[in-house]
Amino acid sequence: MQLLEEDKKKIKGALNEISDSMTRVEAEKDFVREVLKNLYDEFKIPKKTLAKLANTYHKQNFNEEVALNDEFETIYQTVTNQEAE
């Protein structure tokens, strides 16, 4: 593949922008992990639950989550003949 010097610079610039964006994403993920850890330390709510709360809040899809959980419960009970205690 033959690339003009101008094209190489354009691609390199785009790669730098992508790398910078990925660095910001990593920093934000670290921030979220730290906030979840702090919440766990203060309230002893499992991090998995806190993360699900945060994701549901962010996506504003509480009703969908409830429906998925209800569906899971129904299918599980049907397959295993086991009721929740």
N, C-alpha and C. Protein backbone atom coordinates (compact mmCIF):
# COMPACT_ATOMS: atom_id res chain seq x y z
N MET A 1 0.85 -1.18 0.00
CA MET A 1 0.00 0.00 0.00
C MET A 1 0.89 1.23 0.00
N GLN A 2 0.59 2.10 -0.91
CA GLN A 2 1.34 3.34 -1.02
C GLN A 2 0.54 4.47 -0.39
N LEU A 3 1.15 5.13 0.55
CA LEU A 3 0.51 6.28 1.19
C LEU A 3 1.37 7.52 0.98
N LEU A 4 0.71 8.59 0.66
CA LEU A 4 1.41 9.86 0.56
C LEU A 4 1.80 10.32 1.97
N GLU A 5 2.81 11.12 2.04
CA GLU A 5 3.27 11.63 3.34
C GLU A 5 2.12 12.34 4.07
N GLU A 6 1.31 13.06 3.32
CA GLU A 6 0.16 13.77 3.88
C GLU A 6 -0.84 12.77 4.49
N ASP A 7 -1.06 11.65 3.81
CA ASP A 7 -1.97 10.62 4.32
C ASP A 7 -1.43 9.98 5.59
N LYS A 8 -0.12 9.73 5.61
CA LYS A 8 0.51 9.15 6.80
C LYS A 8 0.32 10.07 8.00
N LYS A 9 0.51 11.38 7.78
CA LYS A 9 0.35 12.34 8.88
C LYS A 9 -1.10 12.36 9.37
N LYS A 10 -2.04 12.28 8.44
CA LYS A 10 -3.46 12.28 8.80
C LYS A 10 -3.80 11.04 9.63
N ILE A 11 -3.32 9.88 9.20
CA ILE A 11 -3.57 8.63 9.94
C ILE A 11 -2.90 8.69 11.31
N LYS A 12 -1.65 9.16 11.35
CA LYS A 12 -0.93 9.25 12.63
C LYS A 12 -1.66 10.20 13.58
N GLY A 13 -2.18 11.31 13.06
CA GLY A 13 -2.93 12.25 13.89
C GLY A 13 -4.19 11.61 14.45
N ALA A 14 -4.88 10.83 13.61
CA ALA A 14 -6.09 10.14 14.07
C ALA A 14 -5.74 9.12 15.14
N LEU A 15 -4.64 8.39 14.96
CA LEU A 15 -4.21 7.41 15.96
C LEU A 15 -3.88 8.09 17.28
N ASN A 16 -3.26 9.26 17.23
CA ASN A 16 -2.96 10.02 18.45
C ASN A 16 -4.25 10.43 19.15
N GLU A 17 -5.24 10.89 18.38
CA GLU A 17 -6.52 11.29 18.97
C GLU A 17 -7.22 10.09 19.61
N ILE A 18 -7.19 8.96 18.93
CA ILE A 18 -7.80 7.75 19.48
C ILE A 18 -7.10 7.33 20.76
N SER A 19 -5.78 7.37 20.75
CA SER A 19 -5.02 7.00 21.94
C SER A 19 -5.34 7.93 23.11
N ASP A 20 -5.42 9.22 22.83
CA ASP A 20 -5.77 10.19 23.88
C ASP A 20 -7.16 9.88 24.44
N SER A 21 -8.10 9.56 23.56
CA SER A 21 -9.45 9.22 24.00
C SER A 21 -9.44 7.98 24.87
N MET A 22 -8.68 6.98 24.46
CA MET A 22 -8.59 5.73 25.25
C MET A 22 -7.99 6.00 26.62
N THR A 23 -7.03 6.91 26.69
CA THR A 23 -6.44 7.28 27.98
C THR A 23 -7.49 7.91 28.89
N ARG A 24 -8.33 8.79 28.32
CA ARG A 24 -9.39 9.42 29.11
C ARG A 24 -10.40 8.37 29.58
N VAL A 25 -10.74 7.42 28.72
CA VAL A 25 -11.69 6.35 29.09
C VAL A 25 -11.12 5.54 30.25
N GLU A 26 -9.84 5.19 30.17
CA GLU A 26 -9.21 4.43 31.25
C GLU A 26 -9.26 5.21 32.57
N ALA A 27 -9.01 6.50 32.50
CA ALA A 27 -9.04 7.34 33.71
C ALA A 27 -10.45 7.37 34.28
N GLU A 28 -11.46 7.48 33.44
CA GLU A 28 -12.85 7.49 33.91
C GLU A 28 -13.22 6.15 34.54
N LYS A 29 -12.75 5.06 33.96
CA LYS A 29 -13.03 3.73 34.54
C LYS A 29 -12.38 3.61 35.91
N ASP A 30 -11.16 4.13 36.04
CA ASP A 30 -10.49 4.12 37.35
C ASP A 30 -11.29 4.93 38.36
N PHE A 31 -11.81 6.08 37.92
CA PHE A 31 -12.62 6.93 38.79
C PHE A 31 -13.87 6.18 39.26
N VAL A 32 -14.56 5.51 38.33
CA VAL A 32 -15.77 4.76 38.68
C VAL A 32 -15.43 3.66 39.68
N ARG A 33 -14.34 2.94 39.45
CA ARG A 33 -13.94 1.88 40.39
C ARG A 33 -13.68 2.44 41.78
N GLU A 34 -13.05 3.60 41.84
CA GLU A 34 -12.75 4.23 43.13
C GLU A 34 -14.03 4.65 43.84
N VAL A 35 -14.97 5.23 43.10
CA VAL A 35 -16.25 5.64 43.71
C VAL A 35 -17.00 4.40 44.22
N LEU A 36 -17.02 3.32 43.43
CA LEU A 36 -17.69 2.09 43.87
C LEU A 36 -17.03 1.54 45.13
N LYS A 37 -15.70 1.59 45.17
CA LYS A 37 -14.98 1.11 46.36
C LYS A 37 -15.34 1.95 47.58
N ASN A 38 -15.37 3.26 47.40
CA ASN A 38 -15.71 4.15 48.52
C ASN A 38 -17.14 3.89 49.02
N LEU A 39 -18.07 3.69 48.09
CA LEU A 39 -19.45 3.39 48.49
C LEU A 39 -19.52 2.06 49.23
N TYR A 40 -18.78 1.06 48.74
CA TYR A 40 -18.76 -0.22 49.43
C TYR A 40 -18.20 -0.05 50.84
N ASP A 41 -17.10 0.66 50.95
CA ASP A 41 -16.47 0.86 52.25
C ASP A 41 -17.42 1.55 53.24
N GLU A 42 -18.19 2.49 52.75
CA GLU A 42 -19.08 3.25 53.63
C GLU A 42 -20.38 2.51 53.94
N PHE A 43 -20.97 1.86 52.93
CA PHE A 43 -22.30 1.29 53.10
C PHE A 43 -22.36 -0.24 53.08
N LYS A 44 -21.24 -0.89 52.73
CA LYS A 44 -21.15 -2.35 52.66
C LYS A 44 -22.15 -2.96 51.67
N ILE A 45 -22.53 -2.18 50.67
CA ILE A 45 -23.35 -2.71 49.57
C ILE A 45 -22.35 -3.35 48.60
N PRO A 46 -22.60 -4.59 48.18
CA PRO A 46 -21.65 -5.25 47.28
C PRO A 46 -21.37 -4.42 46.02
N LYS A 47 -20.12 -4.41 45.60
CA LYS A 47 -19.71 -3.62 44.45
C LYS A 47 -20.49 -4.00 43.19
N LYS A 48 -20.78 -5.29 43.05
CA LYS A 48 -21.55 -5.76 41.89
C LYS A 48 -22.93 -5.09 41.87
N THR A 49 -23.55 -5.00 43.03
CA THR A 49 -24.87 -4.36 43.14
C THR A 49 -24.76 -2.87 42.87
N LEU A 50 -23.74 -2.23 43.42
CA LEU A 50 -23.54 -0.81 43.18
C LEU A 50 -23.31 -0.52 41.70
N ALA A 51 -22.52 -1.38 41.05
CA ALA A 51 -22.25 -1.19 39.62
C ALA A 51 -23.54 -1.35 38.81
N LYS A 52 -24.37 -2.31 39.19
CA LYS A 52 -25.64 -2.49 38.48
C LYS A 52 -26.55 -1.29 38.72
N LEU A 53 -26.57 -0.79 39.94
CA LEU A 53 -27.35 0.42 40.23
C LEU A 53 -26.88 1.58 39.35
N ALA A 54 -25.57 1.76 39.27
CA ALA A 54 -25.01 2.87 38.49
C ALA A 54 -25.33 2.71 37.01
N ASN A 55 -25.18 1.50 36.49
CA ASN A 55 -25.47 1.28 35.07
C ASN A 55 -26.94 1.49 34.76
N THR A 56 -27.79 0.99 35.63
CA THR A 56 -29.23 1.16 35.43
C THR A 56 -29.61 2.63 35.51
N TYR A 57 -29.04 3.34 36.47
CA TYR A 57 -29.31 4.77 36.60
C TYR A 57 -28.83 5.51 35.34
N HIS A 58 -27.64 5.17 34.87
CA HIS A 58 -27.08 5.83 33.69
C HIS A 58 -27.93 5.57 32.45
N LYS A 59 -28.35 4.33 32.26
CA LYS A 59 -29.13 3.97 31.08
C LYS A 59 -30.61 4.31 31.22
N GLN A 60 -31.01 4.63 32.47
CA GLN A 60 -32.42 4.92 32.75
C GLN A 60 -33.33 3.80 32.24
N ASN A 61 -32.94 2.54 32.58
CA ASN A 61 -33.70 1.39 32.10
C ASN A 61 -34.16 0.47 33.23
N PHE A 62 -34.61 1.08 34.32
CA PHE A 62 -35.03 0.30 35.48
C PHE A 62 -36.14 -0.70 35.12
N ASN A 63 -37.15 -0.24 34.37
CA ASN A 63 -38.25 -1.14 34.03
C ASN A 63 -37.77 -2.34 33.21
N GLU A 64 -36.84 -2.11 32.32
CA GLU A 64 -36.28 -3.20 31.52
C GLU A 64 -35.52 -4.19 32.42
N GLU A 65 -34.77 -3.67 33.36
CA GLU A 65 -34.03 -4.54 34.29
C GLU A 65 -34.99 -5.39 35.13
N VAL A 66 -36.06 -4.77 35.60
CA VAL A 66 -37.06 -5.50 36.38
C VAL A 66 -37.68 -6.60 35.53
N ALA A 67 -38.01 -6.29 34.29
CA ALA A 67 -38.62 -7.28 33.39
C ALA A 67 -37.66 -8.44 33.12
N LEU A 68 -36.39 -8.12 32.92
CA LEU A 68 -35.39 -9.17 32.70
C LEU A 68 -35.27 -10.07 33.92
N ASN A 69 -35.27 -9.46 35.10
CA ASN A 69 -35.16 -10.23 36.33
C ASN A 69 -36.39 -11.11 36.52
N ASP A 70 -37.57 -10.56 36.24
CA ASP A 70 -38.81 -11.34 36.34
C ASP A 70 -38.78 -12.51 35.37
N GLU A 71 -38.33 -12.26 34.16
CA GLU A 71 -38.24 -13.32 33.15
C GLU A 71 -37.29 -14.42 33.61
N PHE A 72 -36.12 -14.01 34.13
CA PHE A 72 -35.15 -14.98 34.65
C PHE A 72 -35.77 -15.82 35.75
N GLU A 73 -36.43 -15.16 36.70
CA GLU A 73 -37.06 -15.86 37.82
C GLU A 73 -38.08 -16.87 37.33
N THR A 74 -38.93 -16.47 36.39
CA THR A 74 -39.96 -17.34 35.87
C THR A 74 -39.35 -18.56 35.17
N ILE A 75 -38.39 -18.32 34.31
CA ILE A 75 -37.76 -19.43 33.58
C ILE A 75 -37.03 -20.36 34.55
N TYR A 76 -36.30 -19.79 35.49
CA TYR A 76 -35.57 -20.62 36.45
C TYR A 76 -36.52 -21.51 37.24
N GLN A 77 -37.60 -20.92 37.73
CA GLN A 77 -38.57 -21.68 38.51
C GLN A 77 -39.23 -22.76 37.66
N THR A 78 -39.52 -22.47 36.41
CA THR A 78 -40.13 -23.45 35.52
C THR A 78 -39.19 -24.62 35.28
N VAL A 79 -37.92 -24.32 35.02
CA VAL A 79 -36.96 -25.37 34.70
C VAL A 79 -36.61 -26.21 35.92
N THR A 80 -36.50 -25.58 37.09
CA THR A 80 -36.02 -26.31 38.27
C THR A 80 -37.14 -26.74 39.22
N ASN A 81 -38.37 -26.30 38.93
CA ASN A 81 -39.49 -26.56 39.84
C ASN A 81 -39.19 -26.07 41.26
N GLN A 82 -38.51 -24.96 41.36
CA GLN A 82 -38.09 -24.41 42.63
C GLN A 82 -38.62 -23.00 42.79
N GLU A 83 -39.25 -22.74 43.90
CA GLU A 83 -39.78 -21.40 44.21
C GLU A 83 -38.75 -20.65 45.04
N ALA A 84 -38.79 -19.34 44.96
CA ALA A 84 -37.91 -18.51 45.78
C ALA A 84 -38.32 -18.66 47.24
N GLU A 85 -37.33 -18.63 48.09
CA GLU A 85 -37.61 -18.78 49.53
C GLU A 85 -37.80 -17.45 50.20
